[in-house]
Amino acid sequence: MSESQLTRRQVVMGGVLGMAMVAARGATSGAAAPAAPAAAATAGRVPAAAAGSLTIGGDLPVNRMGFGAMRITGPGIWGEPKDPAEARRVLHRALDLGVNFIDTADAYGPEVSERLIAETLSPYPRGLVIATKGGLLRPEASQWVPDGRPEHLRAACEASLKRLKLARIDLYQFHHIDPQVPLEDSLGELARLRQEGKIRHVGVSNFNVEELARARRVVPVASVQNRYNLADRGSEDVLGVCARDGLAFIPWAPLASGSASRLEVSDALEKVAAAQGVSVMQVAIAWLLAKSPAMLPIPGTGSVAHLEEDLAAARLQLTPEELARLG
């Protein structure tokens, strides 16, 4: 099967959101504000809610269409965004459209993504889950260096708490195994932070099945965040474990090959998109949602228009024939 690469703008087709329902946001500072009746009455029509829901760690229900906040930083996931006002509009619009799970990391910027989230959205509305990650250093823009030392993870978690203006992080994810540090030592420190009440649930990222099993012997693991998309299904076995055991599976790079602006496009993907009258990105997200009830996609962008396009995929229903064609 021949494959080509297209920019996001080249493959957007037609209008994306015919109706954009605005979800009421009740700010909180400790106790949650009551939900607005209008929001409750129309929740099923909010784009992110159309994807259905899952529960993280047994007690955190979220819509199964999240937002990845990596791309609200500068080029190369480094420094401040070119358009800070647009980055803030993206965060507000994500909540308007029903997103109640935002994924970030201290390495994004570094620190920029977490800070922008807090500056823009704090005090946070009821039910919004902020997930972040620690364990990667950014000495310079081109470098992502694992650091799984317990003392580093403790300092990173406590710094994220301050930047995000949180008393407890709902989902704290170990970003990448450090080959110089036994993963049991790294996860053991996260277990202690959980016991201290600084972390509600622990997640892992870039783990294989054997590493996940080792991690779960140290601390309860609520989620796995691995690379997974139509073109790269190397974590299929990890997804199977998550589906079997009730863990959330968060696919990073759900759309792209190598960057957020490029997508590996197959003939089958293009044909399904043409038949549905939507973009290939929307089909790629809809495929993820159909793949497993454990799947929690987090497409990310720094553009409101692209955000709306991505979230519209929550309403897209692929036929059995289309799913078979995509494989």
C-alpha atoms as a PDB file:
ATOM      1  CA  MET A   1       0.000   0.000   0.000  1.00  0.00           C
ATOM      2  CA  SER A   2       1.492   3.312  -1.026  1.00  0.00           C
ATOM      3  CA  GLU A   3       1.651   6.093   1.576  1.00  0.00           C
ATOM      4  CA  SER A   4       2.187   9.839   1.273  1.00  0.00           C
ATOM      5  CA  GLN A   5       2.437  12.707   3.744  1.00  0.00           C
ATOM      6  CA  LEU A   6       0.065  15.648   3.700  1.00  0.00           C
ATOM      7  CA  THR A   7      -0.089  18.735   5.855  1.00  0.00           C
ATOM      8  CA  ARG A   8      -3.068  19.150   8.117  1.00  0.00           C
ATOM      9  CA  ARG A   9      -4.298  22.137   6.138  1.00  0.00           C
ATOM     10  CA  GLN A  10      -4.159  20.206   2.861  1.00  0.00           C
ATOM     11  CA  VAL A  11      -6.504  17.511   4.086  1.00  0.00           C
ATOM     12  CA  VAL A  12      -9.134  19.503   5.934  1.00  0.00           C
ATOM     13  CA  MET A  13     -12.434  19.027   4.124  1.00  0.00           C
ATOM     14  CA  GLY A  14     -15.365  21.364   4.388  1.00  0.00           C
ATOM     15  CA  GLY A  15     -17.000  22.580   7.542  1.00  0.00           C
ATOM     16  CA  VAL A  16     -16.277  20.729  10.735  1.00  0.00           C
ATOM     17  CA  LEU A  17     -18.704  21.753  13.422  1.00  0.00           C
ATOM     18  CA  GLY A  18     -22.266  22.434  12.413  1.00  0.00           C
ATOM     19  CA  MET A  19     -23.277  22.997  15.998  1.00  0.00           C
ATOM     20  CA  ALA A  20     -20.861  23.873  18.806  1.00  0.00           C
ATOM     21  CA  MET A  21     -22.509  23.459  22.169  1.00  0.00           C
ATOM     22  CA  VAL A  22     -20.880  25.428  24.963  1.00  0.00           C
ATOM     23  CA  ALA A  23     -20.485  23.523  28.220  1.00  0.00           C
ATOM     24  CA  ALA A  24     -20.964  25.642  31.307  1.00  0.00           C
ATOM     25  CA  ARG A  25     -17.866  25.955  33.414  1.00  0.00           C
ATOM     26  CA  GLY A  26     -18.188  26.419  37.142  1.00  0.00           C
ATOM     27  CA  ALA A  27     -15.007  27.684  38.726  1.00  0.00           C
ATOM     28  CA  THR A  28     -13.879  25.938  41.893  1.00  0.00           C
ATOM     29  CA  SER A  29     -11.642  26.683  44.812  1.00  0.00           C
ATOM     30  CA  GLY A  30     -12.072  23.583  46.945  1.00  0.00           C
ATOM     31  CA  ALA A  31     -15.826  22.905  46.745  1.00  0.00           C
ATOM     32  CA  ALA A  32     -17.301  22.459  43.276  1.00  0.00           C
ATOM     33  CA  ALA A  33     -19.925  24.793  41.898  1.00  0.00           C
ATOM     34  CA  PRO A  34     -23.253  23.197  40.861  1.00  0.00           C
ATOM     35  CA  ALA A  35     -23.641  22.345  37.193  1.00  0.00           C
ATOM     36  CA  ALA A  36     -25.734  24.689  35.090  1.00  0.00           C
ATOM     37  CA  PRO A  37     -29.056  23.078  34.097  1.00  0.00           C
ATOM     38  CA  ALA A  38     -28.601  24.007  30.431  1.00  0.00           C
ATOM     39  CA  ALA A  39     -25.221  22.282  30.312  1.00  0.00           C
ATOM     40  CA  ALA A  40     -26.628  19.140  31.906  1.00  0.00           C
ATOM     41  CA  ALA A  41     -29.509  19.042  29.454  1.00  0.00           C
ATOM     42  CA  THR A  42     -27.256  19.269  26.399  1.00  0.00           C
ATOM     43  CA  ALA A  43     -24.207  17.332  27.637  1.00  0.00           C
ATOM     44  CA  GLY A  44     -24.825  14.490  25.209  1.00  0.00           C
ATOM     45  CA  ARG A  45     -24.450  16.880  22.282  1.00  0.00           C
ATOM     46  CA  VAL A  46     -21.161  18.444  23.367  1.00  0.00           C
ATOM     47  CA  PRO A  47     -18.529  17.125  20.912  1.00  0.00           C
ATOM     48  CA  ALA A  48     -16.140  15.567  23.440  1.00  0.00           C
ATOM     49  CA  ALA A  49     -19.008  13.818  25.229  1.00  0.00           C
ATOM     50  CA  ALA A  50     -20.070  12.149  21.981  1.00  0.00           C
ATOM     51  CA  ALA A  51     -16.990   9.925  22.283  1.00  0.00           C
ATOM     52  CA  GLY A  52     -18.389   8.326  25.419  1.00  0.00           C
ATOM     53  CA  SER A  53     -16.518   8.153  28.696  1.00  0.00           C
ATOM     54  CA  LEU A  54     -14.143   6.055  30.739  1.00  0.00           C
ATOM     55  CA  THR A  55     -13.063   6.109  34.362  1.00  0.00           C
ATOM     56  CA  ILE A  56      -9.414   6.583  35.308  1.00  0.00           C
ATOM     57  CA  GLY A  57      -8.308   4.727  38.406  1.00  0.00           C
ATOM     58  CA  GLY A  58     -11.843   3.778  39.344  1.00  0.00           C
ATOM     59  CA  ASP A  59     -12.929   7.267  40.426  1.00  0.00           C
ATOM     60  CA  LEU A  60     -12.125   9.840  37.713  1.00  0.00           C
ATOM     61  CA  PRO A  61     -14.754   9.781  34.944  1.00  0.00           C
ATOM     62  CA  VAL A  62     -13.688  11.676  31.820  1.00  0.00           C
ATOM     63  CA  ASN A  63     -14.972  12.097  28.297  1.00  0.00           C
ATOM     64  CA  ARG A  64     -13.068   9.803  25.951  1.00  0.00           C
ATOM     65  CA  MET A  65     -11.774  12.740  23.917  1.00  0.00           C
ATOM     66  CA  GLY A  66      -9.063  14.634  25.717  1.00  0.00           C
ATOM     67  CA  PHE A  67      -6.678  17.411  24.774  1.00  0.00           C
ATOM     68  CA  GLY A  68      -2.893  17.143  24.556  1.00  0.00           C
ATOM     69  CA  ALA A  69      -1.298  20.425  25.613  1.00  0.00           C
ATOM     70  CA  MET A  70       2.148  19.825  24.123  1.00  0.00           C
ATOM     71  CA  ARG A  71       1.549  22.098  21.115  1.00  0.00           C
ATOM     72  CA  ILE A  72       0.524  25.206  23.033  1.00  0.00           C
ATOM     73  CA  THR A  73       4.259  25.858  23.466  1.00  0.00           C
ATOM     74  CA  GLY A  74       6.765  27.229  20.960  1.00  0.00           C
ATOM     75  CA  PRO A  75       8.179  25.512  17.869  1.00  0.00           C
ATOM     76  CA  GLY A  76       9.879  22.239  18.715  1.00  0.00           C
ATOM     77  CA  ILE A  77       7.961  22.126  22.011  1.00  0.00           C
ATOM     78  CA  TRP A  78      10.411  24.752  23.207  1.00  0.00           C
ATOM     79  CA  GLY A  79       9.769  28.156  24.752  1.00  0.00           C
ATOM     80  CA  GLU A  80       6.726  30.377  24.613  1.00  0.00           C
ATOM     81  CA  PRO A  81       4.048  29.981  21.926  1.00  0.00           C
ATOM     82  CA  LYS A  82       4.216  32.310  18.947  1.00  0.00           C
ATOM     83  CA  ASP A  83       0.661  33.442  19.724  1.00  0.00           C
ATOM     84  CA  PRO A  84       0.005  33.221  23.484  1.00  0.00           C
ATOM     85  CA  ALA A  85      -3.506  34.627  23.096  1.00  0.00           C
ATOM     86  CA  GLU A  86      -4.409  31.868  20.632  1.00  0.00           C
ATOM     87  CA  ALA A  87      -2.952  29.243  22.981  1.00  0.00           C
ATOM     88  CA  ARG A  88      -5.242  30.517  25.733  1.00  0.00           C
ATOM     89  CA  ARG A  89      -8.210  30.547  23.360  1.00  0.00           C
ATOM     90  CA  VAL A  90      -7.477  26.908  22.515  1.00  0.00           C
ATOM     91  CA  LEU A  91      -7.606  25.937  26.196  1.00  0.00           C
ATOM     92  CA  HIS A  92     -10.867  27.797  26.779  1.00  0.00           C
ATOM     93  CA  ARG A  93     -12.413  26.384  23.618  1.00  0.00           C
ATOM     94  CA  ALA A  94     -11.439  22.847  24.589  1.00  0.00           C
ATOM     95  CA  LEU A  95     -13.470  23.195  27.767  1.00  0.00           C
ATOM     96  CA  ASP A  96     -16.319  24.831  25.847  1.00  0.00           C
ATOM     97  CA  LEU A  97     -16.473  21.721  23.681  1.00  0.00           C
ATOM     98  CA  GLY A  98     -16.643  19.315  26.582  1.00  0.00           C
ATOM     99  CA  VAL A  99     -13.020  18.324  27.121  1.00  0.00           C
ATOM    100  CA  ASN A 100     -12.484  17.401  30.765  1.00  0.00           C
ATOM    101  CA  PHE A 101      -9.099  15.673  30.449  1.00  0.00           C
ATOM    102  CA  ILE A 102      -5.987  17.717  29.622  1.00  0.00           C
ATOM    103  CA  ASP A 103      -2.603  16.055  29.317  1.00  0.00           C
ATOM    104  CA  THR A 104       0.643  17.967  29.739  1.00  0.00           C
ATOM    105  CA  ALA A 105       4.203  17.491  31.054  1.00  0.00           C
ATOM    106  CA  ASP A 106       6.897  19.524  32.753  1.00  0.00           C
ATOM    107  CA  ALA A 107       9.101  18.883  29.688  1.00  0.00           C
ATOM    108  CA  TYR A 108       6.730  20.742  27.354  1.00  0.00           C
ATOM    109  CA  GLY A 109       8.355  24.129  26.986  1.00  0.00           C
ATOM    110  CA  PRO A 110       9.867  23.099  29.374  1.00  0.00           C
ATOM    111  CA  GLU A 111       7.364  24.233  32.039  1.00  0.00           C
ATOM    112  CA  VAL A 112       5.519  26.490  29.593  1.00  0.00           C
ATOM    113  CA  SER A 113       2.536  24.212  28.968  1.00  0.00           C
ATOM    114  CA  GLU A 114       1.825  23.671  32.667  1.00  0.00           C
ATOM    115  CA  ARG A 115       2.135  27.374  33.415  1.00  0.00           C
ATOM    116  CA  LEU A 116      -0.189  28.404  30.575  1.00  0.00           C
ATOM    117  CA  ILE A 117      -2.801  25.886  31.695  1.00  0.00           C
ATOM    118  CA  ALA A 118      -2.792  27.274  35.217  1.00  0.00           C
ATOM    119  CA  GLU A 119      -2.749  30.920  34.131  1.00  0.00           C
ATOM    120  CA  THR A 120      -5.623  30.340  31.741  1.00  0.00           C
ATOM    121  CA  LEU A 121      -7.899  27.886  33.529  1.00  0.00           C
ATOM    122  CA  SER A 122      -7.254  28.139  37.279  1.00  0.00           C
ATOM    123  CA  PRO A 123      -9.373  28.024  39.371  1.00  0.00           C
ATOM    124  CA  TYR A 124     -10.358  24.881  37.514  1.00  0.00           C
ATOM    125  CA  PRO A 125     -13.955  23.909  36.753  1.00  0.00           C
ATOM    126  CA  ARG A 126     -15.474  20.936  38.479  1.00  0.00           C
ATOM    127  CA  GLY A 127     -14.609  17.615  36.888  1.00  0.00           C
ATOM    128  CA  LEU A 128     -11.582  18.807  34.922  1.00  0.00           C
ATOM    129  CA  VAL A 129      -8.706  16.316  35.196  1.00  0.00           C
ATOM    130  CA  ILE A 130      -5.214  17.696  34.655  1.00  0.00           C
ATOM    131  CA  ALA A 131      -2.682  14.943  33.945  1.00  0.00           C
ATOM    132  CA  THR A 132       1.004  15.738  33.808  1.00  0.00           C
ATOM    133  CA  LYS A 133       4.277  13.866  33.490  1.00  0.00           C
ATOM    134  CA  GLY A 134       7.773  13.951  34.913  1.00  0.00           C
ATOM    135  CA  GLY A 135      10.995  12.127  34.160  1.00  0.00           C
ATOM    136  CA  LEU A 136      12.364  13.860  31.058  1.00  0.00           C
ATOM    137  CA  LEU A 137      14.806  16.780  31.054  1.00  0.00           C
ATOM    138  CA  ARG A 138      15.190  19.340  28.247  1.00  0.00           C
ATOM    139  CA  PRO A 139      18.757  20.685  28.323  1.00  0.00           C
ATOM    140  CA  GLU A 140      18.098  22.186  24.892  1.00  0.00           C
ATOM    141  CA  ALA A 141      15.369  22.135  22.270  1.00  0.00           C
ATOM    142  CA  SER A 142      16.609  19.020  20.501  1.00  0.00           C
ATOM    143  CA  GLN A 143      17.150  16.931  23.633  1.00  0.00           C
ATOM    144  CA  TRP A 144      14.794  14.784  25.711  1.00  0.00           C
ATOM    145  CA  VAL A 145      16.900  13.175  28.444  1.00  0.00           C
ATOM    146  CA  PRO A 146      15.397  10.587  30.840  1.00  0.00           C
ATOM    147  CA  ASP A 147      15.871  11.235  34.549  1.00  0.00           C
ATOM    148  CA  GLY A 148      14.193   8.665  36.732  1.00  0.00           C
ATOM    149  CA  ARG A 149      16.117   9.330  39.919  1.00  0.00           C
ATOM    150  CA  PRO A 150      13.712   9.349  42.885  1.00  0.00           C
ATOM    151  CA  GLU A 151      14.945  12.731  44.078  1.00  0.00           C
ATOM    152  CA  HIS A 152      14.371  14.236  40.652  1.00  0.00           C
ATOM    153  CA  LEU A 153      10.844  12.812  40.353  1.00  0.00           C
ATOM    154  CA  ARG A 154       9.927  14.170  43.779  1.00  0.00           C
ATOM    155  CA  ALA A 155      11.245  17.626  42.917  1.00  0.00           C
ATOM    156  CA  ALA A 156       9.535  17.517  39.514  1.00  0.00           C
ATOM    157  CA  CYS A 157       6.187  16.530  40.989  1.00  0.00           C
ATOM    158  CA  GLU A 158       6.322  19.229  43.636  1.00  0.00           C
ATOM    159  CA  ALA A 159       7.281  21.834  41.011  1.00  0.00           C
ATOM    160  CA  SER A 160       4.366  20.741  38.807  1.00  0.00           C
ATOM    161  CA  LEU A 161       2.002  21.086  41.762  1.00  0.00           C
ATOM    162  CA  LYS A 162       3.096  24.699  42.171  1.00  0.00           C
ATOM    163  CA  ARG A 163       2.989  25.573  38.465  1.00  0.00           C
ATOM    164  CA  LEU A 164      -0.429  23.995  37.985  1.00  0.00           C
ATOM    165  CA  LYS A 165      -1.754  25.564  41.218  1.00  0.00           C
ATOM    166  CA  LEU A 166      -2.958  22.219  42.498  1.00  0.00           C
ATOM    167  CA  ALA A 167      -2.955  20.620  45.929  1.00  0.00           C
ATOM    168  CA  ARG A 168      -2.917  17.169  44.325  1.00  0.00           C
ATOM    169  CA  ILE A 169      -2.259  15.981  40.768  1.00  0.00           C
ATOM    170  CA  ASP A 170      -5.039  13.676  39.614  1.00  0.00           C
ATOM    171  CA  LEU A 171      -2.823  11.668  37.239  1.00  0.00           C
ATOM    172  CA  TYR A 172       0.960  11.886  37.430  1.00  0.00           C
ATOM    173  CA  GLN A 173       2.751   9.893  34.753  1.00  0.00           C
ATOM    174  CA  PHE A 174       6.317   8.630  34.684  1.00  0.00           C
ATOM    175  CA  HIS A 175       7.318  10.058  31.307  1.00  0.00           C
ATOM    176  CA  HIS A 176      10.095   7.671  30.297  1.00  0.00           C
ATOM    177  CA  ILE A 177      12.153   4.926  31.903  1.00  0.00           C
ATOM    178  CA  ASP A 178      15.685   6.008  32.742  1.00  0.00           C
ATOM    179  CA  PRO A 179      18.111   3.241  31.655  1.00  0.00           C
ATOM    180  CA  GLN A 180      20.420   4.275  34.519  1.00  0.00           C
ATOM    181  CA  VAL A 181      17.739   3.824  37.220  1.00  0.00           C
ATOM    182  CA  PRO A 182      15.717   0.670  37.981  1.00  0.00           C
ATOM    183  CA  LEU A 183      12.092   1.450  37.183  1.00  0.00           C
ATOM    184  CA  GLU A 184      11.170   0.048  40.606  1.00  0.00           C
ATOM    185  CA  ASP A 185      13.145   2.878  42.234  1.00  0.00           C
ATOM    186  CA  SER A 186      11.431   5.500  40.080  1.00  0.00           C
ATOM    187  CA  LEU A 187       7.924   4.109  40.600  1.00  0.00           C
ATOM    188  CA  GLY A 188       8.635   3.585  44.283  1.00  0.00           C
ATOM    189  CA  GLU A 189       9.073   7.329  44.698  1.00  0.00           C
ATOM    190  CA  LEU A 190       5.778   7.982  42.893  1.00  0.00           C
ATOM    191  CA  ALA A 191       4.152   5.465  45.242  1.00  0.00           C
ATOM    192  CA  ARG A 192       5.434   7.476  48.200  1.00  0.00           C
ATOM    193  CA  LEU A 193       4.156  10.723  46.681  1.00  0.00           C
ATOM    194  CA  ARG A 194       0.788   9.018  46.234  1.00  0.00           C
ATOM    195  CA  GLN A 195       0.772   7.929  49.877  1.00  0.00           C
ATOM    196  CA  GLU A 196       1.534  11.523  50.868  1.00  0.00           C
ATOM    197  CA  GLY A 197      -1.512  12.747  48.940  1.00  0.00           C
ATOM    198  CA  LYS A 198       0.419  14.694  46.312  1.00  0.00           C
ATOM    199  CA  ILE A 199      -0.639  12.289  43.542  1.00  0.00           C
ATOM    200  CA  ARG A 200      -4.082  10.748  43.166  1.00  0.00           C
ATOM    201  CA  HIS A 201      -3.223   8.174  40.496  1.00  0.00           C
ATOM    202  CA  VAL A 202       0.023   7.040  38.870  1.00  0.00           C
ATOM    203  CA  GLY A 203       0.409   6.512  35.137  1.00  0.00           C
ATOM    204  CA  VAL A 204       3.316   5.386  32.982  1.00  0.00           C
ATOM    205  CA  SER A 205       4.468   6.311  29.495  1.00  0.00           C
ATOM    206  CA  ASN A 206       6.540   4.520  26.854  1.00  0.00           C
ATOM    207  CA  PHE A 207       6.269   1.155  28.637  1.00  0.00           C
ATOM    208  CA  ASN A 208       6.101  -2.330  27.174  1.00  0.00           C
ATOM    209  CA  VAL A 209       4.056  -5.187  28.645  1.00  0.00           C
ATOM    210  CA  GLU A 210       6.878  -6.552  30.800  1.00  0.00           C
ATOM    211  CA  GLU A 211       7.758  -3.110  32.162  1.00  0.00           C
ATOM    212  CA  LEU A 212       4.104  -2.422  32.894  1.00  0.00           C
ATOM    213  CA  ALA A 213       3.854  -5.647  34.883  1.00  0.00           C
ATOM    214  CA  ARG A 214       6.917  -4.667  36.915  1.00  0.00           C
ATOM    215  CA  ALA A 215       5.502  -1.210  37.560  1.00  0.00           C
ATOM    216  CA  ARG A 216       2.194  -2.643  38.772  1.00  0.00           C
ATOM    217  CA  ARG A 217       4.021  -4.714  41.367  1.00  0.00           C
ATOM    218  CA  VAL A 218       5.286  -1.445  42.885  1.00  0.00           C
ATOM    219  CA  VAL A 219       2.222   0.836  42.669  1.00  0.00           C
ATOM    220  CA  PRO A 220      -1.291   0.685  41.214  1.00  0.00           C
ATOM    221  CA  VAL A 221      -1.078   1.990  37.640  1.00  0.00           C
ATOM    222  CA  ALA A 222      -4.137   3.798  36.275  1.00  0.00           C
ATOM    223  CA  SER A 223      -3.000   4.554  32.720  1.00  0.00           C
ATOM    224  CA  VAL A 224      -0.428   3.949  30.014  1.00  0.00           C
ATOM    225  CA  GLN A 225       0.549   6.601  27.473  1.00  0.00           C
ATOM    226  CA  ASN A 226       2.320   5.100  24.448  1.00  0.00           C
ATOM    227  CA  ARG A 227       2.724   5.975  20.793  1.00  0.00           C
ATOM    228  CA  TYR A 228      -0.155   4.416  18.845  1.00  0.00           C
ATOM    229  CA  ASN A 229      -1.910   5.285  15.608  1.00  0.00           C
ATOM    230  CA  LEU A 230      -3.085   3.750  12.342  1.00  0.00           C
ATOM    231  CA  ALA A 231       0.459   3.506  11.021  1.00  0.00           C
ATOM    232  CA  ASP A 232       2.206   2.481  14.263  1.00  0.00           C
ATOM    233  CA  ARG A 233       0.541  -0.255  16.306  1.00  0.00           C
ATOM    234  CA  GLY A 234       3.602  -1.414  18.169  1.00  0.00           C
ATOM    235  CA  SER A 235       1.796  -1.105  21.501  1.00  0.00           C
ATOM    236  CA  GLU A 236      -1.099  -3.368  20.521  1.00  0.00           C
ATOM    237  CA  ASP A 237      -0.218  -5.812  23.304  1.00  0.00           C
ATOM    238  CA  VAL A 238      -0.081  -3.020  25.884  1.00  0.00           C
ATOM    239  CA  LEU A 239      -3.483  -1.788  24.717  1.00  0.00           C
ATOM    240  CA  GLY A 240      -4.791  -5.315  25.228  1.00  0.00           C
ATOM    241  CA  VAL A 241      -3.587  -5.372  28.830  1.00  0.00           C
ATOM    242  CA  CYS A 242      -5.180  -1.987  29.479  1.00  0.00           C
ATOM    243  CA  ALA A 243      -8.516  -3.093  28.013  1.00  0.00           C
ATOM    244  CA  ARG A 244      -8.433  -6.341  29.997  1.00  0.00           C
ATOM    245  CA  ASP A 245      -7.511  -4.757  33.328  1.00  0.00           C
ATOM    246  CA  GLY A 246      -9.398  -1.462  33.196  1.00  0.00           C
ATOM    247  CA  LEU A 247      -6.455   0.887  32.624  1.00  0.00           C
ATOM    248  CA  ALA A 248      -6.800   3.921  30.380  1.00  0.00           C
ATOM    249  CA  PHE A 249      -4.681   3.786  27.233  1.00  0.00           C
ATOM    250  CA  ILE A 250      -3.630   7.267  26.093  1.00  0.00           C
ATOM    251  CA  PRO A 251      -2.186   7.230  22.559  1.00  0.00           C
ATOM    252  CA  TRP A 252       0.432   9.870  21.916  1.00  0.00           C
ATOM    253  CA  ALA A 253       1.034  10.911  18.317  1.00  0.00           C
ATOM    254  CA  PRO A 254      -2.539   9.773  17.515  1.00  0.00           C
ATOM    255  CA  LEU A 255      -2.403  11.597  14.191  1.00  0.00           C
ATOM    256  CA  ALA A 256       1.132  12.246  13.138  1.00  0.00           C
ATOM    257  CA  SER A 257       4.361  10.736  11.936  1.00  0.00           C
ATOM    258  CA  GLY A 258       7.215  12.742  13.351  1.00  0.00           C
ATOM    259  CA  SER A 259       5.355  16.011  13.936  1.00  0.00           C
ATOM    260  CA  ALA A 260       1.950  17.420  14.744  1.00  0.00           C
ATOM    261  CA  SER A 261       1.532  18.841  11.254  1.00  0.00           C
ATOM    262  CA  ARG A 262       2.134  15.719   9.191  1.00  0.00           C
ATOM    263  CA  LEU A 263       0.205  12.477   9.001  1.00  0.00           C
ATOM    264  CA  GLU A 264       0.978   9.176   7.332  1.00  0.00           C
ATOM    265  CA  VAL A 265      -1.894   8.802   4.874  1.00  0.00           C
ATOM    266  CA  SER A 266      -2.803   5.498   3.254  1.00  0.00           C
ATOM    267  CA  ASP A 267      -5.069   4.987   0.284  1.00  0.00           C
ATOM    268  CA  ALA A 268      -7.617   3.341   2.582  1.00  0.00           C
ATOM    269  CA  LEU A 269      -7.596   6.308   4.957  1.00  0.00           C
ATOM    270  CA  GLU A 270      -8.092   8.786   2.127  1.00  0.00           C
ATOM    271  CA  LYS A 271     -10.954   6.751   0.660  1.00  0.00           C
ATOM    272  CA  VAL A 272     -12.777   6.466   3.986  1.00  0.00           C
ATOM    273  CA  ALA A 273     -12.348  10.197   4.604  1.00  0.00           C
ATOM    274  CA  ALA A 274     -13.709  10.999   1.124  1.00  0.00           C
ATOM    275  CA  ALA A 275     -16.693   8.711   1.622  1.00  0.00           C
ATOM    276  CA  GLN A 276     -17.500  10.318   4.969  1.00  0.00           C
ATOM    277  CA  GLY A 277     -16.856  13.847   3.714  1.00  0.00           C
ATOM    278  CA  VAL A 278     -14.412  14.572   6.533  1.00  0.00           C
ATOM    279  CA  SER A 279     -10.659  14.995   6.980  1.00  0.00           C
ATOM    280  CA  VAL A 280      -8.217  12.125   7.322  1.00  0.00           C
ATOM    281  CA  MET A 281      -7.365  13.353  10.823  1.00  0.00           C
ATOM    282  CA  GLN A 282     -10.978  12.942  11.882  1.00  0.00           C
ATOM    283  CA  VAL A 283     -11.024   9.406  10.507  1.00  0.00           C
ATOM    284  CA  ALA A 284      -7.766   8.616  12.327  1.00  0.00           C
ATOM    285  CA  ILE A 285      -9.252   9.785  15.637  1.00  0.00           C
ATOM    286  CA  ALA A 286     -12.547   7.990  15.037  1.00  0.00           C
ATOM    287  CA  TRP A 287     -10.582   4.799  14.323  1.00  0.00           C
ATOM    288  CA  LEU A 288      -8.790   5.128  17.668  1.00  0.00           C
ATOM    289  CA  LEU A 289     -12.098   5.561  19.499  1.00  0.00           C
ATOM    290  CA  ALA A 290     -13.550   2.510  17.778  1.00  0.00           C
ATOM    291  CA  LYS A 291     -10.442   0.420  18.417  1.00  0.00           C
ATOM    292  CA  SER A 292     -10.971  -0.050  22.161  1.00  0.00           C
ATOM    293  CA  PRO A 293     -13.138   1.322  24.993  1.00  0.00           C
ATOM    294  CA  ALA A 294      -9.890   1.805  26.928  1.00  0.00           C
ATOM    295  CA  MET A 295      -8.675   4.365  24.366  1.00  0.00           C
ATOM    296  CA  LEU A 296      -8.429   8.024  25.437  1.00  0.00           C
ATOM    297  CA  PRO A 297      -7.147  10.075  22.462  1.00  0.00           C
ATOM    298  CA  ILE A 298      -5.486  13.402  23.233  1.00  0.00           C
ATOM    299  CA  PRO A 299      -5.008  15.179  19.890  1.00  0.00           C
ATOM    300  CA  GLY A 300      -3.166  18.433  20.429  1.00  0.00           C
ATOM    301  CA  THR A 301      -2.866  21.711  18.589  1.00  0.00           C
ATOM    302  CA  GLY A 302      -2.167  25.398  19.066  1.00  0.00           C
ATOM    303  CA  SER A 303      -5.055  26.412  16.779  1.00  0.00           C
ATOM    304  CA  VAL A 304      -8.730  26.783  17.656  1.00  0.00           C
ATOM    305  CA  ALA A 305      -9.752  25.772  14.124  1.00  0.00           C
ATOM    306  CA  HIS A 306      -7.736  22.568  14.306  1.00  0.00           C
ATOM    307  CA  LEU A 307      -9.073  21.850  17.796  1.00  0.00           C
ATOM    308  CA  GLU A 308     -12.647  22.091  16.549  1.00  0.00           C
ATOM    309  CA  GLU A 309     -11.845  19.806  13.644  1.00  0.00           C
ATOM    310  CA  ASP A 310     -10.277  17.203  15.923  1.00  0.00           C
ATOM    311  CA  LEU A 311     -13.114  17.212  18.448  1.00  0.00           C
ATOM    312  CA  ALA A 312     -15.721  16.855  15.725  1.00  0.00           C
ATOM    313  CA  ALA A 313     -14.324  13.355  15.190  1.00  0.00           C
ATOM    314  CA  ALA A 314     -16.006  12.277  18.431  1.00  0.00           C
ATOM    315  CA  ARG A 315     -19.302  12.263  16.525  1.00  0.00           C
ATOM    316  CA  LEU A 316     -17.958  10.321  13.551  1.00  0.00           C
ATOM    317  CA  GLN A 317     -19.214   6.737  13.275  1.00  0.00           C
ATOM    318  CA  LEU A 318     -17.199   4.461  10.994  1.00  0.00           C
ATOM    319  CA  THR A 319     -19.032   1.535   9.426  1.00  0.00           C
ATOM    320  CA  PRO A 320     -17.857  -2.061   9.957  1.00  0.00           C
ATOM    321  CA  GLU A 321     -16.723  -2.069   6.338  1.00  0.00           C
ATOM    322  CA  GLU A 322     -14.687   1.092   6.824  1.00  0.00           C
ATOM    323  CA  LEU A 323     -13.071  -0.270   9.995  1.00  0.00           C
ATOM    324  CA  ALA A 324     -12.171  -3.467   8.146  1.00  0.00           C
ATOM    325  CA  ARG A 325     -10.646  -1.444   5.305  1.00  0.00           C
ATOM    326  CA  LEU A 326      -8.488   0.478   7.761  1.00  0.00           C
ATOM    327  CA  GLY A 327      -7.452  -2.750   9.475  1.00  0.00           C
END
